[in-house]
Amino acid sequence: MEVKLTKSMAKMYQIDVTNIDQLRTYEKNGYDVSEWLPAALEKAKMRDAAQDVREGKAQAGEVKLENPIDLEKLTPYLAAPRDAGSPFVADMMGLGGLFGKEKRARALSEAPLVFGAVVQANHALWKPGNNTTTAVFVIAKDAAHKNDAAWLN
């Protein structure tokens, strides 16, 4: 009997549903991971292609590297002002501390949302964890491109 690996189970057991090895292990143990496998395989393919570019095995022009973040998911938040108490604003605030919390929430709820993408970064940025390092971003401030996810790719 197969048990479907649900989002709540993944969260409860701290399963990385983007990790191919973890998913294969759960699959061997009788879990249905079909919901998560295609995205995890695509992520692994992009990760391997990016690694080939970083290691000099391929040129950046030879490999189409997709932006791993689906910027289209941000479309509902383009209109400002946004609800200062929304989960979106709370996520953007992060662990900023207690002082000035209302001011930061107001600023984030009223600020325009502009899409961006990493062009080049220190190798440490691509590793899991809270790594602080250098990176080059492309950000369009002009009205025609500031929210154009296709243009960034």
N, C-alpha and C. Protein backbone atom coordinates (compact mmCIF):
# COMPACT_ATOMS: atom_id res chain seq x y z
N MET A 1 0.83 -1.18 0.00
CA MET A 1 0.00 0.00 0.00
C MET A 1 0.88 1.25 0.00
N GLU A 2 0.64 2.15 -0.94
CA GLU A 2 1.41 3.39 -1.02
C GLU A 2 0.72 4.49 -0.22
N VAL A 3 1.52 5.27 0.47
CA VAL A 3 1.02 6.41 1.22
C VAL A 3 1.48 7.67 0.48
N LYS A 4 0.53 8.57 0.22
CA LYS A 4 0.87 9.80 -0.48
C LYS A 4 1.63 10.73 0.46
N LEU A 5 2.78 11.21 -0.02
CA LEU A 5 3.56 12.17 0.74
C LEU A 5 2.94 13.54 0.55
N THR A 6 2.26 14.04 1.57
CA THR A 6 1.56 15.32 1.48
C THR A 6 2.46 16.46 1.94
N LYS A 7 2.03 17.68 1.65
CA LYS A 7 2.77 18.86 2.05
C LYS A 7 2.89 18.94 3.57
N SER A 8 1.81 18.62 4.27
CA SER A 8 1.84 18.68 5.74
C SER A 8 2.78 17.62 6.32
N MET A 9 2.82 16.43 5.71
CA MET A 9 3.75 15.40 6.17
C MET A 9 5.20 15.84 5.94
N ALA A 10 5.45 16.42 4.76
CA ALA A 10 6.80 16.88 4.44
C ALA A 10 7.26 17.93 5.45
N LYS A 11 6.35 18.83 5.80
CA LYS A 11 6.69 19.88 6.76
C LYS A 11 6.92 19.28 8.15
N MET A 12 6.02 18.38 8.57
CA MET A 12 6.10 17.80 9.90
C MET A 12 7.39 17.00 10.09
N TYR A 13 7.79 16.25 9.06
CA TYR A 13 8.98 15.40 9.16
C TYR A 13 10.23 16.07 8.58
N GLN A 14 10.11 17.36 8.24
CA GLN A 14 11.21 18.15 7.70
C GLN A 14 11.85 17.47 6.49
N ILE A 15 11.01 17.08 5.55
CA ILE A 15 11.47 16.43 4.32
C ILE A 15 11.69 17.51 3.27
N ASP A 16 12.86 17.51 2.67
CA ASP A 16 13.16 18.44 1.59
C ASP A 16 12.58 17.85 0.31
N VAL A 17 11.42 18.33 -0.11
CA VAL A 17 10.74 17.76 -1.27
C VAL A 17 11.42 18.15 -2.59
N THR A 18 12.52 18.92 -2.52
CA THR A 18 13.29 19.24 -3.71
C THR A 18 14.55 18.39 -3.79
N ASN A 19 14.77 17.53 -2.80
CA ASN A 19 15.96 16.69 -2.74
C ASN A 19 15.64 15.32 -3.35
N ILE A 20 16.26 15.04 -4.50
CA ILE A 20 16.00 13.78 -5.22
C ILE A 20 16.31 12.57 -4.35
N ASP A 21 17.44 12.59 -3.64
CA ASP A 21 17.82 11.44 -2.83
C ASP A 21 16.81 11.15 -1.73
N GLN A 22 16.33 12.22 -1.06
CA GLN A 22 15.32 12.02 -0.01
C GLN A 22 14.03 11.46 -0.61
N LEU A 23 13.62 12.01 -1.75
CA LEU A 23 12.39 11.54 -2.38
C LEU A 23 12.51 10.07 -2.80
N ARG A 24 13.65 9.71 -3.37
CA ARG A 24 13.86 8.30 -3.78
C ARG A 24 13.83 7.37 -2.57
N THR A 25 14.38 7.82 -1.45
CA THR A 25 14.36 7.00 -0.23
C THR A 25 12.92 6.79 0.24
N TYR A 26 12.14 7.86 0.25
CA TYR A 26 10.74 7.73 0.65
C TYR A 26 9.96 6.88 -0.35
N GLU A 27 10.29 6.99 -1.61
CA GLU A 27 9.63 6.19 -2.64
C GLU A 27 9.92 4.70 -2.41
N LYS A 28 11.16 4.37 -2.07
CA LYS A 28 11.54 2.97 -1.79
C LYS A 28 10.81 2.44 -0.56
N ASN A 29 10.47 3.36 0.35
CA ASN A 29 9.77 2.94 1.57
C ASN A 29 8.25 2.94 1.41
N GLY A 30 7.78 3.06 0.17
CA GLY A 30 6.36 2.91 -0.09
C GLY A 30 5.55 4.19 -0.16
N TYR A 31 6.21 5.33 -0.20
CA TYR A 31 5.49 6.60 -0.29
C TYR A 31 5.31 7.00 -1.76
N ASP A 32 4.17 7.60 -2.06
CA ASP A 32 3.91 8.13 -3.39
C ASP A 32 4.47 9.55 -3.43
N VAL A 33 5.56 9.74 -4.18
CA VAL A 33 6.22 11.04 -4.27
C VAL A 33 6.03 11.66 -5.66
N SER A 34 5.07 11.14 -6.41
CA SER A 34 4.88 11.59 -7.79
C SER A 34 4.55 13.08 -7.89
N GLU A 35 3.94 13.64 -6.85
CA GLU A 35 3.62 15.07 -6.86
C GLU A 35 4.89 15.93 -6.82
N TRP A 36 5.91 15.45 -6.16
CA TRP A 36 7.12 16.24 -5.92
C TRP A 36 8.25 15.93 -6.89
N LEU A 37 8.26 14.74 -7.48
CA LEU A 37 9.39 14.28 -8.28
C LEU A 37 9.69 15.14 -9.52
N PRO A 38 8.71 15.52 -10.34
CA PRO A 38 9.06 16.31 -11.54
C PRO A 38 9.78 17.62 -11.22
N ALA A 39 9.31 18.34 -10.23
CA ALA A 39 9.96 19.60 -9.86
C ALA A 39 11.36 19.36 -9.30
N ALA A 40 11.51 18.30 -8.51
CA ALA A 40 12.82 17.98 -7.94
C ALA A 40 13.81 17.58 -9.04
N LEU A 41 13.35 16.83 -10.03
CA LEU A 41 14.22 16.45 -11.15
C LEU A 41 14.64 17.67 -11.96
N GLU A 42 13.70 18.59 -12.18
CA GLU A 42 14.01 19.82 -12.92
C GLU A 42 15.01 20.66 -12.13
N LYS A 43 14.83 20.75 -10.83
CA LYS A 43 15.77 21.51 -10.00
C LYS A 43 17.16 20.89 -10.05
N ALA A 44 17.23 19.56 -9.99
CA ALA A 44 18.52 18.88 -10.06
C ALA A 44 19.19 19.12 -11.41
N LYS A 45 18.40 19.12 -12.47
CA LYS A 45 18.93 19.38 -13.81
C LYS A 45 19.51 20.79 -13.90
N MET A 46 18.79 21.78 -13.37
CA MET A 46 19.28 23.16 -13.37
C MET A 46 20.53 23.29 -12.50
N ARG A 47 20.52 22.62 -11.34
CA ARG A 47 21.67 22.68 -10.44
C ARG A 47 22.91 22.10 -11.11
N ASP A 48 22.74 20.97 -11.80
CA ASP A 48 23.87 20.34 -12.49
C ASP A 48 24.39 21.20 -13.63
N ALA A 49 23.48 21.83 -14.37
CA ALA A 49 23.90 22.72 -15.46
C ALA A 49 24.65 23.93 -14.92
N ALA A 50 24.16 24.50 -13.84
CA ALA A 50 24.83 25.64 -13.23
C ALA A 50 26.20 25.23 -12.69
N GLN A 51 26.28 24.05 -12.11
CA GLN A 51 27.55 23.55 -11.59
C GLN A 51 28.55 23.36 -12.73
N ASP A 52 28.10 22.86 -13.87
CA ASP A 52 28.98 22.69 -15.04
C ASP A 52 29.54 24.04 -15.50
N VAL A 53 28.72 25.08 -15.47
CA VAL A 53 29.18 26.42 -15.85
C VAL A 53 30.20 26.92 -14.83
N ARG A 54 29.88 26.76 -13.53
CA ARG A 54 30.80 27.24 -12.50
C ARG A 54 32.14 26.52 -12.54
N GLU A 55 32.15 25.22 -12.90
CA GLU A 55 33.38 24.44 -12.94
C GLU A 55 34.10 24.55 -14.28
N GLY A 56 33.54 25.32 -15.21
CA GLY A 56 34.19 25.51 -16.49
C GLY A 56 33.96 24.37 -17.48
N LYS A 57 33.07 23.45 -17.17
CA LYS A 57 32.77 22.33 -18.09
C LYS A 57 31.86 22.77 -19.22
N ALA A 58 31.21 23.90 -19.06
CA ALA A 58 30.31 24.45 -20.09
C ALA A 58 30.35 25.97 -19.98
N GLN A 59 30.08 26.63 -21.09
CA GLN A 59 30.01 28.08 -21.11
C GLN A 59 28.57 28.51 -20.81
N ALA A 60 28.43 29.67 -20.20
CA ALA A 60 27.10 30.16 -19.84
C ALA A 60 26.19 30.25 -21.05
N GLY A 61 26.72 30.61 -22.21
CA GLY A 61 25.91 30.72 -23.42
C GLY A 61 25.44 29.37 -23.96
N GLU A 62 26.14 28.30 -23.59
CA GLU A 62 25.80 26.95 -24.07
C GLU A 62 24.65 26.34 -23.29
N VAL A 63 24.47 26.79 -22.07
CA VAL A 63 23.48 26.19 -21.18
C VAL A 63 22.42 27.23 -20.84
N LYS A 64 21.17 26.86 -21.02
CA LYS A 64 20.07 27.76 -20.64
C LYS A 64 19.76 27.51 -19.18
N LEU A 65 20.12 28.49 -18.35
CA LEU A 65 19.88 28.38 -16.92
C LEU A 65 18.61 29.15 -16.59
N GLU A 66 17.63 28.45 -16.10
CA GLU A 66 16.37 29.09 -15.73
C GLU A 66 16.49 29.71 -14.36
N ASN A 67 15.73 30.74 -14.13
CA ASN A 67 15.65 31.32 -12.81
C ASN A 67 14.91 30.32 -11.92
N PRO A 68 15.54 29.83 -10.85
CA PRO A 68 14.88 28.81 -10.02
C PRO A 68 13.69 29.33 -9.23
N ILE A 69 13.50 30.64 -9.22
CA ILE A 69 12.38 31.23 -8.50
C ILE A 69 11.29 31.58 -9.50
N ASP A 70 10.08 31.11 -9.24
CA ASP A 70 8.95 31.41 -10.11
C ASP A 70 8.43 32.79 -9.77
N LEU A 71 8.91 33.79 -10.49
CA LEU A 71 8.55 35.18 -10.21
C LEU A 71 7.07 35.45 -10.47
N GLU A 72 6.44 34.62 -11.29
CA GLU A 72 5.02 34.82 -11.58
C GLU A 72 4.17 34.67 -10.31
N LYS A 73 4.68 33.96 -9.31
CA LYS A 73 3.94 33.80 -8.06
C LYS A 73 3.84 35.12 -7.30
N LEU A 74 4.65 36.10 -7.67
CA LEU A 74 4.62 37.40 -7.01
C LEU A 74 3.56 38.34 -7.59
N THR A 75 2.95 37.95 -8.70
CA THR A 75 1.97 38.80 -9.38
C THR A 75 0.87 39.33 -8.45
N PRO A 76 0.31 38.52 -7.55
CA PRO A 76 -0.74 39.06 -6.67
C PRO A 76 -0.26 40.19 -5.76
N TYR A 77 1.06 40.33 -5.59
CA TYR A 77 1.59 41.32 -4.67
C TYR A 77 2.11 42.58 -5.37
N LEU A 78 1.90 42.68 -6.68
CA LEU A 78 2.39 43.83 -7.43
C LEU A 78 1.69 45.13 -7.02
N ALA A 79 0.41 45.05 -6.76
CA ALA A 79 -0.35 46.25 -6.40
C ALA A 79 0.01 46.70 -4.98
N ALA A 80 0.28 47.99 -4.85
CA ALA A 80 0.55 48.54 -3.52
C ALA A 80 -0.54 49.56 -3.22
N PRO A 81 -0.94 49.76 -2.01
CA PRO A 81 -0.36 49.15 -0.81
C PRO A 81 -0.87 47.73 -0.60
N ARG A 82 -0.02 46.91 0.00
CA ARG A 82 -0.36 45.55 0.36
C ARG A 82 -0.75 45.53 1.84
N ASP A 83 -1.42 44.49 2.26
CA ASP A 83 -1.80 44.35 3.66
C ASP A 83 -0.54 44.20 4.51
N ALA A 84 -0.28 45.16 5.41
CA ALA A 84 0.93 45.14 6.24
C ALA A 84 0.97 43.92 7.16
N GLY A 85 -0.16 43.30 7.43
CA GLY A 85 -0.21 42.13 8.29
C GLY A 85 -0.18 40.81 7.53
N SER A 86 -0.01 40.88 6.21
CA SER A 86 -0.05 39.67 5.39
C SER A 86 1.20 38.81 5.58
N PRO A 87 1.10 37.51 5.31
CA PRO A 87 2.27 36.63 5.40
C PRO A 87 3.40 37.08 4.45
N PHE A 88 3.03 37.66 3.30
CA PHE A 88 4.03 38.12 2.34
C PHE A 88 4.91 39.21 2.97
N VAL A 89 4.30 40.20 3.59
CA VAL A 89 5.06 41.28 4.23
C VAL A 89 5.84 40.72 5.42
N ALA A 90 5.24 39.82 6.17
CA ALA A 90 5.93 39.21 7.32
C ALA A 90 7.18 38.46 6.86
N ASP A 91 7.09 37.72 5.74
CA ASP A 91 8.24 37.00 5.21
C ASP A 91 9.34 37.96 4.76
N MET A 92 8.96 39.07 4.14
CA MET A 92 9.96 40.05 3.70
C MET A 92 10.64 40.71 4.89
N MET A 93 9.93 40.86 6.01
CA MET A 93 10.51 41.50 7.19
C MET A 93 11.54 40.61 7.85
N GLY A 94 11.36 39.31 7.77
CA GLY A 94 12.32 38.39 8.36
C GLY A 94 12.49 38.60 9.85
N LEU A 95 13.72 38.48 10.29
CA LEU A 95 14.04 38.62 11.72
C LEU A 95 14.66 39.97 11.99
N GLY A 96 14.00 41.04 11.60
CA GLY A 96 14.54 42.39 11.72
C GLY A 96 14.56 42.96 13.12
N GLY A 97 14.11 42.25 14.11
CA GLY A 97 14.08 42.79 15.47
C GLY A 97 12.76 43.49 15.76
N LEU A 98 12.62 43.98 16.96
CA LEU A 98 11.37 44.57 17.40
C LEU A 98 11.28 46.07 17.14
N PHE A 99 12.41 46.77 17.17
CA PHE A 99 12.38 48.21 17.03
C PHE A 99 12.09 48.63 15.60
N GLY A 100 11.14 49.54 15.44
CA GLY A 100 10.79 50.04 14.11
C GLY A 100 10.00 49.06 13.28
N LYS A 101 9.40 48.08 13.92
CA LYS A 101 8.68 47.02 13.22
C LYS A 101 7.51 47.59 12.40
N GLU A 102 6.74 48.48 12.98
CA GLU A 102 5.58 49.06 12.28
C GLU A 102 6.04 49.88 11.08
N LYS A 103 7.12 50.63 11.27
CA LYS A 103 7.65 51.47 10.18
C LYS A 103 8.13 50.59 9.02
N ARG A 104 8.84 49.51 9.33
CA ARG A 104 9.31 48.59 8.28
C ARG A 104 8.13 47.93 7.58
N ALA A 105 7.14 47.50 8.35
CA ALA A 105 5.96 46.86 7.76
C ALA A 105 5.24 47.81 6.82
N ARG A 106 5.10 49.07 7.22
CA ARG A 106 4.45 50.07 6.37
C ARG A 106 5.26 50.31 5.10
N ALA A 107 6.58 50.43 5.25
CA ALA A 107 7.44 50.66 4.09
C ALA A 107 7.36 49.48 3.11
N LEU A 108 7.38 48.25 3.63
CA LEU A 108 7.31 47.08 2.76
C LEU A 108 5.94 46.92 2.12
N SER A 109 4.90 47.35 2.80
CA SER A 109 3.56 47.22 2.23
C SER A 109 3.31 48.26 1.15
N GLU A 110 4.02 49.39 1.22
CA GLU A 110 3.80 50.47 0.26
C GLU A 110 4.84 50.51 -0.85
N ALA A 111 5.95 49.82 -0.70
CA ALA A 111 7.04 49.88 -1.68
C ALA A 111 6.66 49.17 -2.97
N PRO A 112 7.13 49.68 -4.11
CA PRO A 112 6.87 48.98 -5.36
C PRO A 112 7.66 47.67 -5.41
N LEU A 113 7.09 46.66 -6.02
CA LEU A 113 7.74 45.36 -6.14
C LEU A 113 8.45 45.31 -7.49
N VAL A 114 9.75 45.04 -7.47
CA VAL A 114 10.56 44.99 -8.68
C VAL A 114 11.23 43.62 -8.73
N PHE A 115 11.12 42.93 -9.88
CA PHE A 115 11.74 41.62 -10.03
C PHE A 115 13.24 41.78 -10.26
N GLY A 116 14.00 40.77 -9.86
CA GLY A 116 15.44 40.76 -10.08
C GLY A 116 15.93 39.34 -10.24
N ALA A 117 17.16 39.19 -10.72
CA ALA A 117 17.74 37.87 -10.91
C ALA A 117 19.24 37.93 -10.66
N VAL A 118 19.81 36.83 -10.18
CA VAL A 118 21.25 36.73 -9.97
C VAL A 118 21.91 36.47 -11.32
N VAL A 119 22.90 37.28 -11.66
CA VAL A 119 23.65 37.09 -12.91
C VAL A 119 24.90 36.28 -12.63
N GLN A 120 25.59 36.64 -11.55
CA GLN A 120 26.83 35.97 -11.18
C GLN A 120 26.97 36.08 -9.67
N ALA A 121 27.49 35.01 -9.05
CA ALA A 121 27.63 35.05 -7.60
C ALA A 121 28.78 34.17 -7.15
N ASN A 122 29.26 34.45 -5.97
CA ASN A 122 30.25 33.62 -5.32
C ASN A 122 29.66 32.21 -5.16
N HIS A 123 30.48 31.20 -5.29
CA HIS A 123 30.04 29.81 -5.22
C HIS A 123 29.26 29.52 -3.93
N ALA A 124 29.61 30.17 -2.84
CA ALA A 124 28.96 29.92 -1.55
C ALA A 124 27.48 30.29 -1.56
N LEU A 125 27.09 31.21 -2.42
CA LEU A 125 25.68 31.63 -2.48
C LEU A 125 24.77 30.48 -2.91
N TRP A 126 25.30 29.56 -3.69
CA TRP A 126 24.48 28.47 -4.24
C TRP A 126 24.37 27.29 -3.29
N LYS A 127 25.07 27.35 -2.17
CA LYS A 127 25.02 26.27 -1.19
C LYS A 127 23.90 26.55 -0.19
N PRO A 128 23.26 25.50 0.33
CA PRO A 128 22.19 25.71 1.32
C PRO A 128 22.72 26.41 2.56
N GLY A 129 21.85 27.18 3.19
CA GLY A 129 22.20 27.86 4.42
C GLY A 129 22.13 29.36 4.28
N ASN A 130 22.47 30.05 5.33
CA ASN A 130 22.46 31.51 5.35
C ASN A 130 23.85 32.04 5.05
N ASN A 131 24.20 32.02 3.77
CA ASN A 131 25.53 32.46 3.36
C ASN A 131 25.49 33.92 2.93
N THR A 132 26.39 34.71 3.48
CA THR A 132 26.52 36.10 3.08
C THR A 132 27.74 36.20 2.19
N THR A 133 27.53 36.64 0.97
CA THR A 133 28.63 36.72 0.01
C THR A 133 28.29 37.74 -1.08
N THR A 134 29.15 37.86 -2.04
CA THR A 134 28.94 38.83 -3.12
C THR A 134 28.14 38.22 -4.26
N ALA A 135 27.42 39.09 -4.97
CA ALA A 135 26.64 38.64 -6.12
C ALA A 135 26.38 39.84 -7.03
N VAL A 136 26.13 39.55 -8.30
CA VAL A 136 25.74 40.58 -9.26
C VAL A 136 24.30 40.29 -9.65
N PHE A 137 23.45 41.29 -9.52
CA PHE A 137 22.04 41.16 -9.83
C PHE A 137 21.68 42.02 -11.03
N VAL A 138 20.64 41.63 -11.72
CA VAL A 138 20.04 42.50 -12.72
C VAL A 138 18.65 42.85 -12.21
N ILE A 139 18.40 44.15 -12.17
CA ILE A 139 17.11 44.66 -11.71
C ILE A 139 16.68 45.74 -12.69
N ALA A 140 15.50 45.61 -13.22
CA ALA A 140 14.99 46.62 -14.15
C ALA A 140 14.08 47.57 -13.40
N LYS A 141 14.36 48.85 -13.51
CA LYS A 141 13.53 49.84 -12.85
C LYS A 141 12.56 50.50 -13.82
N ASP A 142 12.76 50.27 -15.12
CA ASP A 142 11.85 50.89 -16.09
C ASP A 142 10.52 50.16 -16.09
N ALA A 143 9.45 50.89 -16.37
CA ALA A 143 8.09 50.35 -16.29
C ALA A 143 7.89 49.13 -17.19
N ALA A 144 8.56 49.10 -18.33
CA ALA A 144 8.37 48.00 -19.29
C ALA A 144 8.92 46.67 -18.78
N HIS A 145 9.95 46.70 -17.93
CA HIS A 145 10.61 45.46 -17.53
C HIS A 145 10.61 45.16 -16.04
N LYS A 146 10.19 46.10 -15.19
CA LYS A 146 10.36 45.91 -13.75
C LYS A 146 9.59 44.71 -13.19
N ASN A 147 8.57 44.26 -13.88
CA ASN A 147 7.81 43.08 -13.43
C ASN A 147 7.69 42.04 -14.53
N ASP A 148 8.69 41.97 -15.41
CA ASP A 148 8.67 41.05 -16.55
C ASP A 148 9.61 39.87 -16.28
N ALA A 149 9.04 38.77 -15.76
CA ALA A 149 9.83 37.59 -15.41
C ALA A 149 10.49 36.98 -16.65
N ALA A 150 9.82 36.98 -17.78
CA ALA A 150 10.39 36.41 -19.01
C ALA A 150 11.62 37.19 -19.44
N TRP A 151 11.60 38.51 -19.30
CA TRP A 151 12.74 39.34 -19.69
C TRP A 151 13.97 39.01 -18.82
N LEU A 152 13.75 38.72 -17.54
CA LEU A 152 14.88 38.39 -16.65
C LEU A 152 15.52 37.07 -17.01
N ASN A 153 14.74 36.13 -17.50
CA ASN A 153 15.31 34.82 -17.86
C ASN A 153 16.09 34.95 -19.13
